[in-house]
């Protein structure tokens, strides 16, 4: 299946759309990762996935990814992270939430810009970091 194209230049896509798409792509990577490592039922797979996609876990992953980002990727991350939003989750403080949203925006940008090799590279690093986070909690 080819990726549907949005009717925008990649630089004009609203940050909320980048984060929205990135959230879905990130979750898909996590679900595939968790499913490939276990033959557990869907309930157990869901519980494992949740530990990867929490704002706290995503913020920690982003902190570990920052040193390997290109200038463009870092700029996208900051643009999304610094965007003011009206919503805030119940289980995360504002700083953690914005860092996690920045990660989702970066993932959305790479996906929509068809930078699959780089997306795979960063997601592999993210999933490794996520595994470490899960073991620490």
N, C-alpha and C. Protein backbone atom coordinates (compact mmCIF):
# COMPACT_ATOMS: atom_id res chain seq x y z
N UNK A 1 0.85 -1.18 0.00
CA UNK A 1 0.00 0.00 0.00
C UNK A 1 0.89 1.24 0.00
N UNK A 2 0.60 2.16 -0.86
CA UNK A 2 1.36 3.41 -0.88
C UNK A 2 0.74 4.39 0.12
N UNK A 3 1.57 5.29 0.59
CA UNK A 3 1.12 6.28 1.56
C UNK A 3 0.25 7.32 0.88
N UNK A 4 -0.96 7.55 1.38
CA UNK A 4 -1.77 8.63 0.81
C UNK A 4 -1.04 9.96 1.00
N UNK A 5 -1.13 10.82 0.04
CA UNK A 5 -0.45 12.12 0.10
C UNK A 5 -1.42 13.18 0.59
N UNK A 6 -0.94 14.02 1.49
CA UNK A 6 -1.74 15.14 1.96
C UNK A 6 -1.60 16.28 0.96
N UNK A 7 -2.63 17.10 0.82
CA UNK A 7 -2.58 18.18 -0.17
C UNK A 7 -1.82 19.41 0.32
N UNK A 8 -0.70 19.21 1.01
CA UNK A 8 0.10 20.31 1.54
C UNK A 8 1.56 20.06 1.20
N UNK A 9 2.32 21.12 1.16
CA UNK A 9 3.77 21.01 1.17
C UNK A 9 4.13 20.54 2.59
N UNK A 10 5.12 19.69 2.71
CA UNK A 10 5.49 19.12 4.02
C UNK A 10 5.79 20.20 5.05
N UNK A 11 6.32 21.34 4.61
CA UNK A 11 6.65 22.43 5.55
C UNK A 11 5.41 23.19 6.01
N UNK A 12 4.29 22.98 5.33
CA UNK A 12 3.06 23.70 5.67
C UNK A 12 2.07 22.86 6.45
N UNK A 13 2.40 21.61 6.69
CA UNK A 13 1.48 20.75 7.43
C UNK A 13 1.43 21.23 8.88
N UNK A 14 0.24 21.47 9.40
CA UNK A 14 0.13 21.93 10.79
C UNK A 14 0.77 20.93 11.76
N UNK A 15 1.38 21.46 12.82
CA UNK A 15 2.05 20.59 13.78
C UNK A 15 1.08 19.60 14.41
N UNK A 16 -0.17 20.00 14.57
CA UNK A 16 -1.14 19.07 15.14
C UNK A 16 -1.36 17.86 14.23
N UNK A 17 -1.28 18.07 12.92
CA UNK A 17 -1.42 16.96 11.97
C UNK A 17 -0.17 16.08 12.01
N UNK A 18 1.01 16.69 12.09
CA UNK A 18 2.24 15.90 12.20
C UNK A 18 2.19 15.01 13.43
N UNK A 19 1.77 15.57 14.56
CA UNK A 19 1.69 14.78 15.80
C UNK A 19 0.61 13.71 15.71
N UNK A 20 -0.50 14.04 15.10
CA UNK A 20 -1.61 13.08 14.94
C UNK A 20 -1.17 11.87 14.12
N UNK A 21 -0.53 12.13 12.99
CA UNK A 21 -0.04 11.05 12.14
C UNK A 21 1.09 10.31 12.85
N UNK A 22 2.00 11.05 13.46
CA UNK A 22 3.12 10.44 14.17
C UNK A 22 2.69 9.54 15.30
N UNK A 23 1.64 9.93 16.01
CA UNK A 23 1.10 9.10 17.09
C UNK A 23 0.68 7.74 16.54
N UNK A 24 -0.02 7.74 15.42
CA UNK A 24 -0.48 6.48 14.82
C UNK A 24 0.68 5.64 14.32
N UNK A 25 1.65 6.27 13.67
CA UNK A 25 2.81 5.54 13.13
C UNK A 25 3.64 4.97 14.28
N UNK A 26 3.87 5.77 15.31
CA UNK A 26 4.64 5.31 16.48
C UNK A 26 3.95 4.10 17.10
N UNK A 27 2.65 4.20 17.30
CA UNK A 27 1.90 3.09 17.91
C UNK A 27 1.97 1.84 17.04
N UNK A 28 1.90 1.99 15.72
CA UNK A 28 2.00 0.83 14.84
C UNK A 28 3.37 0.16 14.98
N UNK A 29 4.44 0.96 15.00
CA UNK A 29 5.77 0.39 15.21
C UNK A 29 5.83 -0.37 16.53
N UNK A 30 5.28 0.23 17.59
CA UNK A 30 5.29 -0.40 18.91
C UNK A 30 4.50 -1.71 18.88
N UNK A 31 3.32 -1.69 18.31
CA UNK A 31 2.50 -2.91 18.26
C UNK A 31 3.20 -4.02 17.49
N UNK A 32 3.82 -3.68 16.37
CA UNK A 32 4.55 -4.69 15.60
C UNK A 32 5.74 -5.23 16.40
N UNK A 33 6.43 -4.34 17.10
CA UNK A 33 7.57 -4.74 17.92
C UNK A 33 7.13 -5.69 19.03
N UNK A 34 6.09 -5.32 19.75
CA UNK A 34 5.59 -6.14 20.86
C UNK A 34 5.07 -7.48 20.36
N UNK A 35 4.33 -7.46 19.26
CA UNK A 35 3.77 -8.70 18.72
C UNK A 35 4.87 -9.63 18.21
N UNK A 36 5.94 -9.07 17.66
CA UNK A 36 7.01 -9.90 17.12
C UNK A 36 7.83 -10.56 18.22
N UNK A 37 7.74 -10.03 19.44
CA UNK A 37 8.53 -10.56 20.55
C UNK A 37 7.73 -11.48 21.46
N UNK A 38 6.45 -11.70 21.15
CA UNK A 38 5.61 -12.47 22.06
C UNK A 38 4.46 -13.14 21.32
N UNK A 39 4.06 -14.27 21.83
CA UNK A 39 2.88 -14.96 21.30
C UNK A 39 1.70 -14.78 22.25
N UNK A 40 1.77 -13.77 23.10
CA UNK A 40 0.74 -13.52 24.09
C UNK A 40 -0.57 -13.12 23.42
N UNK A 41 -1.63 -13.14 24.20
CA UNK A 41 -2.92 -12.72 23.70
C UNK A 41 -2.99 -11.22 23.55
N UNK A 42 -4.07 -10.75 22.96
CA UNK A 42 -4.18 -9.32 22.66
C UNK A 42 -4.18 -8.46 23.92
N UNK A 43 -4.75 -8.95 25.01
CA UNK A 43 -4.75 -8.17 26.25
C UNK A 43 -3.35 -7.93 26.78
N UNK A 44 -2.53 -8.97 26.78
CA UNK A 44 -1.14 -8.84 27.24
C UNK A 44 -0.34 -7.96 26.28
N UNK A 45 -0.56 -8.13 24.98
CA UNK A 45 0.14 -7.29 24.00
C UNK A 45 -0.22 -5.82 24.21
N UNK A 46 -1.49 -5.57 24.49
CA UNK A 46 -1.94 -4.19 24.74
C UNK A 46 -1.24 -3.61 25.97
N UNK A 47 -1.17 -4.38 27.05
CA UNK A 47 -0.52 -3.90 28.27
C UNK A 47 0.95 -3.58 28.01
N UNK A 48 1.62 -4.42 27.24
CA UNK A 48 3.03 -4.16 26.92
C UNK A 48 3.17 -2.91 26.05
N UNK A 49 2.26 -2.76 25.10
CA UNK A 49 2.31 -1.59 24.21
C UNK A 49 2.12 -0.29 24.97
N UNK A 50 1.22 -0.30 25.94
CA UNK A 50 0.92 0.90 26.71
C UNK A 50 2.18 1.45 27.38
N UNK A 51 3.05 0.55 27.85
CA UNK A 51 4.25 1.02 28.53
C UNK A 51 5.20 1.76 27.58
N UNK A 52 5.08 1.50 26.29
CA UNK A 52 5.92 2.18 25.29
C UNK A 52 5.34 3.52 24.86
N UNK A 53 4.02 3.64 24.86
CA UNK A 53 3.39 4.82 24.26
C UNK A 53 2.94 5.86 25.27
N UNK A 54 3.25 5.66 26.54
CA UNK A 54 2.90 6.69 27.53
C UNK A 54 3.73 7.94 27.26
N UNK A 55 3.21 9.08 27.66
CA UNK A 55 3.95 10.33 27.47
C UNK A 55 5.29 10.27 28.18
N UNK A 56 5.33 9.68 29.36
CA UNK A 56 6.58 9.57 30.12
C UNK A 56 7.61 8.75 29.35
N UNK A 57 7.20 7.62 28.82
CA UNK A 57 8.12 6.77 28.06
C UNK A 57 8.58 7.46 26.79
N UNK A 58 7.65 8.09 26.08
CA UNK A 58 8.00 8.79 24.84
C UNK A 58 8.96 9.95 25.12
N UNK A 59 8.76 10.66 26.21
CA UNK A 59 9.65 11.77 26.55
C UNK A 59 11.06 11.25 26.84
N UNK A 60 11.16 10.14 27.54
CA UNK A 60 12.48 9.56 27.82
C UNK A 60 13.14 9.09 26.53
N UNK A 61 12.37 8.49 25.64
CA UNK A 61 12.90 8.07 24.34
C UNK A 61 13.42 9.28 23.58
N UNK A 62 12.66 10.38 23.59
CA UNK A 62 13.07 11.57 22.85
C UNK A 62 14.37 12.13 23.40
N UNK A 63 14.52 12.12 24.71
CA UNK A 63 15.77 12.61 25.31
C UNK A 63 16.96 11.79 24.82
N UNK A 64 16.76 10.52 24.61
CA UNK A 64 17.84 9.65 24.12
C UNK A 64 18.10 9.83 22.63
N UNK A 65 17.08 10.24 21.90
CA UNK A 65 17.23 10.43 20.45
C UNK A 65 17.85 11.78 20.09
N UNK A 66 17.68 12.77 20.94
CA UNK A 66 18.13 14.13 20.61
C UNK A 66 19.56 14.19 20.07
N UNK A 67 20.53 13.49 20.67
CA UNK A 67 21.90 13.61 20.17
C UNK A 67 22.12 13.10 18.74
N UNK A 68 21.22 12.26 18.24
CA UNK A 68 21.43 11.69 16.90
C UNK A 68 20.57 12.35 15.82
N UNK A 69 19.81 13.37 16.20
CA UNK A 69 18.95 14.04 15.22
C UNK A 69 19.77 14.96 14.32
N UNK A 70 19.34 15.06 13.07
CA UNK A 70 19.93 16.05 12.17
C UNK A 70 19.40 17.43 12.57
N UNK A 71 19.97 18.48 11.99
CA UNK A 71 19.49 19.83 12.28
C UNK A 71 18.02 19.98 11.89
N UNK A 72 17.66 19.44 10.74
CA UNK A 72 16.27 19.53 10.27
C UNK A 72 15.34 18.79 11.22
N UNK A 73 15.72 17.58 11.62
CA UNK A 73 14.90 16.79 12.53
C UNK A 73 14.74 17.49 13.87
N UNK A 74 15.83 18.06 14.38
CA UNK A 74 15.78 18.78 15.65
C UNK A 74 14.86 20.00 15.55
N UNK A 75 14.90 20.68 14.41
CA UNK A 75 14.04 21.85 14.21
C UNK A 75 12.57 21.43 14.16
N UNK A 76 12.27 20.34 13.48
CA UNK A 76 10.88 19.84 13.44
C UNK A 76 10.44 19.48 14.85
N UNK A 77 11.28 18.74 15.57
CA UNK A 77 10.96 18.35 16.94
C UNK A 77 10.64 19.58 17.80
N UNK A 78 11.51 20.59 17.75
CA UNK A 78 11.30 21.80 18.56
C UNK A 78 10.02 22.53 18.14
N UNK A 79 9.77 22.59 16.83
CA UNK A 79 8.57 23.27 16.33
C UNK A 79 7.31 22.62 16.90
N UNK A 80 7.28 21.30 16.90
CA UNK A 80 6.10 20.59 17.42
C UNK A 80 6.05 20.69 18.94
N UNK A 81 7.18 20.48 19.58
CA UNK A 81 7.24 20.52 21.05
C UNK A 81 6.78 21.87 21.59
N UNK A 82 7.17 22.95 20.92
CA UNK A 82 6.87 24.29 21.41
C UNK A 82 5.48 24.79 21.02
N UNK A 83 4.77 24.06 20.21
CA UNK A 83 3.43 24.45 19.80
C UNK A 83 2.49 24.42 21.01
N UNK A 84 1.74 25.48 21.17
CA UNK A 84 0.80 25.54 22.29
C UNK A 84 -0.49 24.82 21.92
N UNK A 85 -0.89 23.91 22.78
CA UNK A 85 -2.10 23.15 22.54
C UNK A 85 -3.07 23.37 23.69
N UNK A 86 -4.32 23.17 23.43
CA UNK A 86 -5.33 23.35 24.46
C UNK A 86 -5.57 22.09 25.28
N UNK A 87 -5.02 20.96 24.84
CA UNK A 87 -5.29 19.71 25.55
C UNK A 87 -4.08 19.26 26.34
N UNK A 88 -4.34 18.58 27.43
CA UNK A 88 -3.29 18.05 28.29
C UNK A 88 -3.80 16.73 28.87
N UNK A 89 -2.99 15.68 28.79
CA UNK A 89 -3.46 14.41 29.33
C UNK A 89 -3.47 14.44 30.86
N UNK A 90 -4.23 13.54 31.44
CA UNK A 90 -4.36 13.49 32.89
C UNK A 90 -3.10 12.94 33.57
N UNK A 91 -2.37 12.08 32.87
CA UNK A 91 -1.27 11.37 33.51
C UNK A 91 0.12 11.89 33.16
N UNK A 92 0.22 13.12 32.69
CA UNK A 92 1.54 13.66 32.35
C UNK A 92 1.58 15.15 32.66
N UNK A 93 2.73 15.61 33.11
CA UNK A 93 2.90 17.04 33.34
C UNK A 93 3.10 17.72 31.98
N UNK A 94 2.91 19.03 31.90
CA UNK A 94 2.99 19.73 30.61
C UNK A 94 4.33 19.57 29.89
N UNK A 95 5.44 19.60 30.60
CA UNK A 95 6.75 19.47 29.95
C UNK A 95 6.89 18.10 29.31
N UNK A 96 6.56 17.06 30.06
CA UNK A 96 6.65 15.69 29.54
C UNK A 96 5.74 15.52 28.33
N UNK A 97 4.53 16.06 28.43
CA UNK A 97 3.57 15.96 27.33
C UNK A 97 4.10 16.63 26.06
N UNK A 98 4.68 17.80 26.20
CA UNK A 98 5.19 18.52 25.02
C UNK A 98 6.39 17.80 24.40
N UNK A 99 7.25 17.23 25.22
CA UNK A 99 8.39 16.46 24.69
C UNK A 99 7.87 15.25 23.91
N UNK A 100 6.90 14.54 24.49
CA UNK A 100 6.33 13.37 23.82
C UNK A 100 5.63 13.77 22.52
N UNK A 101 4.93 14.88 22.54
CA UNK A 101 4.26 15.37 21.33
C UNK A 101 5.29 15.74 20.27
N UNK A 102 6.42 16.29 20.69
CA UNK A 102 7.50 16.59 19.75
C UNK A 102 8.00 15.34 19.06
N UNK A 103 8.14 14.25 19.81
CA UNK A 103 8.55 12.97 19.22
C UNK A 103 7.53 12.51 18.20
N UNK A 104 6.26 12.57 18.55
CA UNK A 104 5.21 12.16 17.62
C UNK A 104 5.23 13.02 16.36
N UNK A 105 5.45 14.31 16.52
CA UNK A 105 5.52 15.19 15.36
C UNK A 105 6.68 14.86 14.45
N UNK A 106 7.83 14.53 15.04
CA UNK A 106 9.00 14.14 14.24
C UNK A 106 8.71 12.85 13.48
N UNK A 107 8.10 11.88 14.15
CA UNK A 107 7.75 10.62 13.48
C UNK A 107 6.77 10.89 12.34
N UNK A 108 5.79 11.74 12.58
CA UNK A 108 4.83 12.09 11.53
C UNK A 108 5.50 12.76 10.35
N UNK A 109 6.43 13.66 10.64
CA UNK A 109 7.17 14.35 9.57
C UNK A 109 7.96 13.35 8.72
N UNK A 110 8.71 12.48 9.37
CA UNK A 110 9.52 11.51 8.62
C UNK A 110 8.64 10.59 7.79
N UNK A 111 7.52 10.19 8.34
CA UNK A 111 6.60 9.31 7.61
C UNK A 111 6.01 10.02 6.40
N UNK A 112 5.49 11.21 6.62
CA UNK A 112 4.85 11.94 5.52
C UNK A 112 5.85 12.43 4.48
N UNK A 113 7.10 12.62 4.88
CA UNK A 113 8.14 13.05 3.95
C UNK A 113 8.79 11.85 3.27
N UNK A 114 8.26 10.67 3.53
CA UNK A 114 8.71 9.42 2.91
C UNK A 114 10.18 9.12 3.21
N UNK A 115 10.61 9.45 4.41
CA UNK A 115 11.98 9.17 4.84
C UNK A 115 11.98 7.87 5.66
N UNK A 116 11.60 6.78 4.99
CA UNK A 116 11.39 5.50 5.68
C UNK A 116 12.66 4.92 6.29
N UNK A 117 13.79 5.02 5.60
CA UNK A 117 15.03 4.45 6.16
C UNK A 117 15.39 5.17 7.46
N UNK A 118 15.28 6.48 7.47
CA UNK A 118 15.60 7.25 8.68
C UNK A 118 14.56 6.98 9.76
N UNK A 119 13.30 6.88 9.37
CA UNK A 119 12.25 6.56 10.33
C UNK A 119 12.52 5.20 10.98
N UNK A 120 12.87 4.21 10.17
CA UNK A 120 13.20 2.88 10.71
C UNK A 120 14.38 2.96 11.67
N UNK A 121 15.40 3.72 11.29
CA UNK A 121 16.59 3.85 12.14
C UNK A 121 16.24 4.46 13.50
N UNK A 122 15.50 5.57 13.48
CA UNK A 122 15.13 6.22 14.73
C UNK A 122 14.16 5.38 15.55
N UNK A 123 13.23 4.70 14.88
CA UNK A 123 12.29 3.86 15.61
C UNK A 123 12.98 2.66 16.24
N UNK A 124 13.98 2.11 15.59
CA UNK A 124 14.73 1.01 16.22
C UNK A 124 15.44 1.51 17.48
N UNK A 125 16.03 2.70 17.41
CA UNK A 125 16.64 3.29 18.60
C UNK A 125 15.59 3.57 19.67
N UNK A 126 14.43 4.07 19.25
CA UNK A 126 13.35 4.38 20.18
C UNK A 126 12.84 3.12 20.86
N UNK A 127 12.67 2.05 20.10
CA UNK A 127 12.16 0.81 20.68
C UNK A 127 13.18 0.19 21.64
N UNK A 128 14.45 0.29 21.31
CA UNK A 128 15.49 -0.17 22.23
C UNK A 128 15.44 0.63 23.54
N UNK A 129 15.32 1.94 23.41
CA UNK A 129 15.22 2.80 24.60
C UNK A 129 13.93 2.49 25.36
N UNK A 130 12.85 2.25 24.64
CA UNK A 130 11.58 1.90 25.28
C UNK A 130 11.67 0.61 26.06
N UNK A 131 12.39 -0.37 25.51
CA UNK A 131 12.60 -1.64 26.22
C UNK A 131 13.33 -1.37 27.53
N UNK A 132 14.37 -0.55 27.48
CA UNK A 132 15.12 -0.22 28.69
C UNK A 132 14.22 0.48 29.71
N UNK A 133 13.37 1.39 29.24
CA UNK A 133 12.44 2.08 30.14
C UNK A 133 11.50 1.10 30.80
N UNK A 134 11.01 0.12 30.04
CA UNK A 134 10.08 -0.87 30.58
C UNK A 134 10.75 -1.72 31.65
N UNK A 135 12.02 -2.06 31.43
CA UNK A 135 12.75 -2.88 32.40
C UNK A 135 13.04 -2.11 33.68
N UNK A 136 13.19 -0.79 33.56
CA UNK A 136 13.51 0.04 34.72
C UNK A 136 12.30 0.29 35.60
N UNK A 137 11.10 0.19 35.04
CA UNK A 137 9.90 0.49 35.84
C UNK A 137 9.32 -0.73 36.47
